[in-house]
Structure formats: C-alpha cells, structure tokens
Amino acid sequence: MFTLSPFKIYLIFTVVAYTENIIPPIPGDVLVAFGGYLAAEQIVGFVPLLTITTLASVFGFMSMYWIGAQFGYRIEVQRSKFWLMRIVDIKYFDKVKRWMQRWGQGVIVANRFLAGTRSVISLVSGITKTRVSTTILSSTVSSFAWNFILLGFGWIVNENWQIIGHYLNIYGRIVLGLIVAFIVIRFTIKKVKESRRNKGKKN
C-alpha cells in the first residue's frame, strides 16, 4: 500500500527532476518512469506529473545556465579546479562547446536525450550566453518530450517499470557511441579533404 500523499509524491518528483540537472548521478529518469507506473495505478495524475517534472527540469537547466553565465570565465580558466567541475564530467566540456558552435539550439533541444552530457550542455549554454528566451523554449521542448516518453513507458510496462532503467543504460551508451563515431568520422573526412587540397596546391 502506498502511504505517501499525492502532494508528497509530487514534491519528491519536483526536487529530483530539478536536482538531477545539477548533480548528474541522481537517477531522475528511472524515477520518472516509476511515475508512469504510479499514474497508471491512479495514485497520481499523468498530466500533473508530466507538467511538474518538465517545469522542474527546465528550472534545473536554467540554474546551470545561470552558473555558466555568471562564472563562465572562471570555469574556462580553472577547468577541473572549479568547484562545480568536480560534479560535472569535464571530459564532455570541450566536446559540447564544439556541438554548440555547430548546432546551437539544436543541442539544447536534444539535451534530455543525450545521456551524460545534460549538465554540461546547460553549463556551456550559459557560458556561450545563448538567447535566454529561446533556450528556455528549447529546454522545455526537450524536457516535455523526454518525460512524456518515460512516463508513457512506465504507464505501459506498469509493474515492470524497473526494466526501463536497464534499457536507459544501454540507450545512453549507444547514443554516446554514435556521437563519438560521428565526430571521429567528420574529423577524419575534414583532415582528408585538407590533405588533398594541400597536395593540389603543391602540384
């Protein structure tokens, strides 16, 4: 029997959805999937839960954006010595900066689907000072779509909602693998073209 009141459940989901944008190890996605099960059991409402988790995610994203905008120079200079970079995975930092330079707001729209890089994307968005209104909109679209999918899966699989966590881990590895492969291929093609161009000039 579920002993927590709906209000307390909503509060827990709000706190976790917000905090997982700042402290990545928090398993927010698995909790959202569990929320789909709770909604299917009519313990909480699907729409209120989707709304709360989406808004909390956006606020979390924009909190990291603010930190990036305020302390961007110190982060760039101090790198791993800056207190926040002890929590955020710095190995994605330069990679995300390149993504932002190339795809801009598209990276923010996709951020919820890019496991392991969410906090870095919001931080870099602040450092590069992307337009605030557009960033909020992009983050909202990303959070709404991702949370809707997780809640929907949790609703469908019902009592077997735990299996979603397993598949999320697999999904995260595949996505990061594809991104790395894409970057390597693009870099290789660019170098080959430059090499051919240089040879052509010499001839």
Protein backbone atom coordinates (compact mmCIF):
# COMPACT_ATOMS: atom_id res chain seq x y z
CA MET A 1 0.00 0.00 0.00
CA PHE A 2 1.33 3.44 -0.97
CA THR A 3 1.44 5.56 2.19
CA LEU A 4 2.69 8.90 0.77
CA SER A 5 0.11 11.50 -0.12
CA PRO A 6 -0.06 12.70 -3.76
CA PHE A 7 1.31 16.10 -2.64
CA LYS A 8 4.44 14.49 -1.14
CA ILE A 9 4.91 12.35 -4.25
CA TYR A 10 4.70 15.43 -6.48
CA LEU A 11 7.16 17.21 -4.20
CA ILE A 12 9.67 14.35 -4.40
CA PHE A 13 9.42 14.28 -8.19
CA THR A 14 9.88 18.05 -8.34
CA VAL A 15 13.02 18.01 -6.19
CA VAL A 16 14.59 15.08 -8.06
CA ALA A 17 13.73 16.45 -11.53
CA TYR A 18 15.34 19.76 -10.57
CA THR A 19 18.39 18.37 -8.75
CA GLU A 20 19.36 15.77 -11.37
CA ASN A 21 20.16 18.62 -13.75
CA ILE A 22 22.80 19.84 -11.30
CA ILE A 23 24.02 16.58 -9.77
CA PRO A 24 24.07 14.08 -12.69
CA PRO A 25 24.42 10.83 -10.65
CA ILE A 26 20.84 11.25 -9.35
CA PRO A 27 18.73 8.65 -11.27
CA GLY A 28 15.95 11.05 -12.28
CA ASP A 29 14.95 9.17 -15.44
CA VAL A 30 14.22 5.95 -13.58
CA LEU A 31 12.08 7.86 -11.08
CA VAL A 32 10.08 9.48 -13.90
CA ALA A 33 9.48 6.03 -15.38
CA PHE A 34 8.26 4.91 -11.95
CA GLY A 35 5.93 7.91 -12.06
CA GLY A 36 4.30 6.41 -15.13
CA TYR A 37 3.50 3.31 -13.08
CA LEU A 38 2.07 5.45 -10.27
CA ALA A 39 -0.08 7.30 -12.80
CA ALA A 40 -1.32 4.02 -14.28
CA GLU A 41 -2.31 2.95 -10.77
CA GLN A 42 -4.13 6.31 -10.37
CA ILE A 43 -2.02 7.21 -7.34
CA VAL A 44 -1.03 10.46 -9.06
CA GLY A 45 -2.15 12.14 -12.28
CA PHE A 46 -0.25 11.66 -15.53
CA VAL A 47 -0.66 15.27 -16.73
CA PRO A 48 0.25 16.92 -13.38
CA LEU A 49 3.32 14.69 -13.09
CA LEU A 50 4.37 15.49 -16.66
CA THR A 51 3.90 19.20 -16.02
CA ILE A 52 5.78 19.19 -12.71
CA THR A 53 8.76 17.16 -13.95
CA THR A 54 9.01 19.26 -17.12
CA LEU A 55 8.97 22.59 -15.27
CA ALA A 56 11.43 21.33 -12.64
CA SER A 57 13.77 20.09 -15.36
CA VAL A 58 13.65 23.46 -17.12
CA PHE A 59 14.35 25.31 -13.85
CA GLY A 60 17.27 22.95 -13.20
CA PHE A 61 18.62 23.51 -16.70
CA MET A 62 18.35 27.28 -16.36
CA SER A 63 20.03 27.17 -12.93
CA MET A 64 23.08 25.61 -14.56
CA TYR A 65 22.75 28.13 -17.40
CA TRP A 66 22.91 30.95 -14.83
CA ILE A 67 26.02 29.46 -13.22
CA GLY A 68 27.66 29.22 -16.64
CA ALA A 69 26.73 32.80 -17.48
CA GLN A 70 27.98 34.13 -14.13
CA PHE A 71 31.17 32.09 -13.71
CA GLY A 72 32.00 31.23 -17.32
CA TYR A 73 35.43 32.87 -17.31
CA ARG A 74 36.49 31.16 -14.07
CA ILE A 75 35.26 27.80 -15.37
CA GLU A 76 37.21 28.26 -18.61
CA VAL A 77 40.40 29.20 -16.74
CA GLN A 78 40.24 26.89 -13.73
CA ARG A 79 38.65 23.93 -15.54
CA SER A 80 38.66 20.89 -13.23
CA LYS A 81 39.75 23.06 -10.28
CA PHE A 82 36.46 24.96 -10.33
CA TRP A 83 34.19 23.52 -7.61
CA LEU A 84 31.31 22.65 -9.98
CA MET A 85 33.53 20.70 -12.36
CA ARG A 86 34.10 18.15 -9.59
CA ILE A 87 30.46 17.16 -10.09
CA VAL A 88 30.07 17.73 -13.83
CA ASP A 89 32.05 15.42 -16.12
CA ILE A 90 34.70 17.73 -17.62
CA LYS A 91 35.65 15.27 -20.40
CA TYR A 92 32.47 16.34 -22.24
CA PHE A 93 33.12 20.07 -21.77
CA ASP A 94 35.12 20.82 -24.93
CA LYS A 95 33.06 18.36 -26.93
CA VAL A 96 29.79 20.12 -26.00
CA LYS A 97 31.32 23.50 -26.85
CA ARG A 98 32.01 22.24 -30.37
CA TRP A 99 28.45 20.93 -30.63
CA MET A 100 27.07 24.29 -29.55
CA GLN A 101 29.20 26.13 -32.11
CA ARG A 102 27.94 23.84 -34.86
CA TRP A 103 24.29 23.15 -33.96
CA GLY A 104 23.39 25.87 -31.44
CA GLN A 105 19.88 25.48 -30.04
CA GLY A 106 19.58 22.04 -31.62
CA VAL A 107 21.89 20.70 -28.91
CA ILE A 108 19.62 22.15 -26.22
CA VAL A 109 16.52 20.61 -27.84
CA ALA A 110 18.29 17.25 -27.85
CA ASN A 111 19.88 17.63 -24.40
CA ARG A 112 17.47 15.36 -22.49
CA PHE A 113 18.17 12.58 -25.00
CA LEU A 114 21.96 12.86 -24.61
CA ALA A 115 22.79 10.86 -21.50
CA GLY A 116 25.80 12.03 -19.52
CA THR A 117 26.01 15.48 -21.09
CA ARG A 118 22.89 17.29 -19.82
CA SER A 119 24.57 19.32 -17.07
CA VAL A 120 27.45 20.19 -19.37
CA ILE A 121 25.07 21.37 -22.12
CA SER A 122 23.23 23.70 -19.76
CA LEU A 123 26.52 24.99 -18.35
CA VAL A 124 28.02 25.63 -21.79
CA SER A 125 24.77 27.31 -22.91
CA GLY A 126 25.28 29.81 -20.10
CA ILE A 127 28.97 30.27 -20.84
CA THR A 128 28.25 30.95 -24.53
CA LYS A 129 25.28 33.12 -23.48
CA THR A 130 22.66 31.68 -25.82
CA ARG A 131 19.45 33.72 -26.05
CA VAL A 132 17.56 33.15 -22.78
CA SER A 133 14.01 33.03 -24.19
CA THR A 134 14.98 30.60 -26.97
CA THR A 135 16.98 28.48 -24.53
CA ILE A 136 14.01 28.19 -22.17
CA LEU A 137 11.78 27.15 -25.08
CA SER A 138 14.30 24.59 -26.36
CA SER A 139 14.80 23.16 -22.88
CA THR A 140 11.03 22.95 -22.37
CA VAL A 141 10.52 21.06 -25.64
CA SER A 142 13.34 18.65 -24.76
CA SER A 143 12.13 18.04 -21.19
CA PHE A 144 8.48 17.64 -22.19
CA ALA A 145 9.27 15.12 -24.95
CA TRP A 146 11.66 13.05 -22.82
CA ASN A 147 9.46 12.99 -19.72
CA PHE A 148 6.38 12.14 -21.81
CA ILE A 149 8.22 9.15 -23.29
CA LEU A 150 9.45 7.94 -19.88
CA LEU A 151 6.06 8.37 -18.21
CA GLY A 152 4.40 6.67 -21.17
CA PHE A 153 6.73 3.68 -20.97
CA GLY A 154 6.26 3.49 -17.22
CA TRP A 155 2.48 3.50 -17.75
CA ILE A 156 2.67 0.77 -20.42
CA VAL A 157 5.01 -1.66 -18.66
CA ASN A 158 3.28 -0.94 -15.33
CA GLU A 159 4.71 -3.18 -12.57
CA ASN A 160 7.74 -3.99 -14.73
CA TRP A 161 8.82 -0.33 -14.81
CA GLN A 162 12.26 -1.25 -13.39
CA ILE A 163 13.34 -2.72 -16.74
CA ILE A 164 13.33 0.81 -18.19
CA GLY A 165 16.42 1.65 -16.13
CA HIS A 166 18.29 -1.22 -17.79
CA TYR A 167 17.33 -0.08 -21.27
CA LEU A 168 18.16 3.55 -20.44
CA ASN A 169 21.73 2.50 -19.63
CA ILE A 170 22.01 0.67 -22.95
CA TYR A 171 20.45 3.64 -24.77
CA GLY A 172 22.91 6.06 -23.16
CA ARG A 173 25.92 4.01 -24.25
CA ILE A 174 24.62 3.66 -27.80
CA VAL A 175 23.88 7.39 -28.17
CA LEU A 176 27.29 8.44 -26.84
CA GLY A 177 28.97 5.84 -29.03
CA LEU A 178 27.19 7.13 -32.12
CA ILE A 179 28.07 10.74 -31.27
CA VAL A 180 31.74 9.90 -30.79
CA ALA A 181 31.77 7.88 -34.03
CA PHE A 182 30.13 10.75 -35.91
CA ILE A 183 32.67 13.27 -34.59
CA VAL A 184 35.61 10.98 -35.47
CA ILE A 185 34.27 10.40 -38.99
CA ARG A 186 33.67 14.12 -39.54
CA PHE A 187 37.15 14.95 -38.25
CA THR A 188 38.73 12.29 -40.48
CA ILE A 189 36.85 13.48 -43.58
CA LYS A 190 37.88 17.07 -42.87
CA LYS A 191 41.55 16.09 -42.49
CA VAL A 192 41.47 14.03 -45.71
CA LYS A 193 39.94 16.96 -47.64
CA GLU A 194 42.55 19.36 -46.25
CA SER A 195 45.33 16.94 -47.17
CA ARG A 196 44.04 16.61 -50.74
CA ARG A 197 43.65 20.38 -51.00
CA ASN A 198 47.23 20.93 -49.86
CA LYS A 199 48.55 18.35 -52.32
CA GLY A 200 46.58 20.05 -55.11
CA LYS A 201 48.18 23.39 -54.29
CA LYS A 202 51.66 21.90 -54.33
CA ASN A 203 51.04 20.30 -57.73
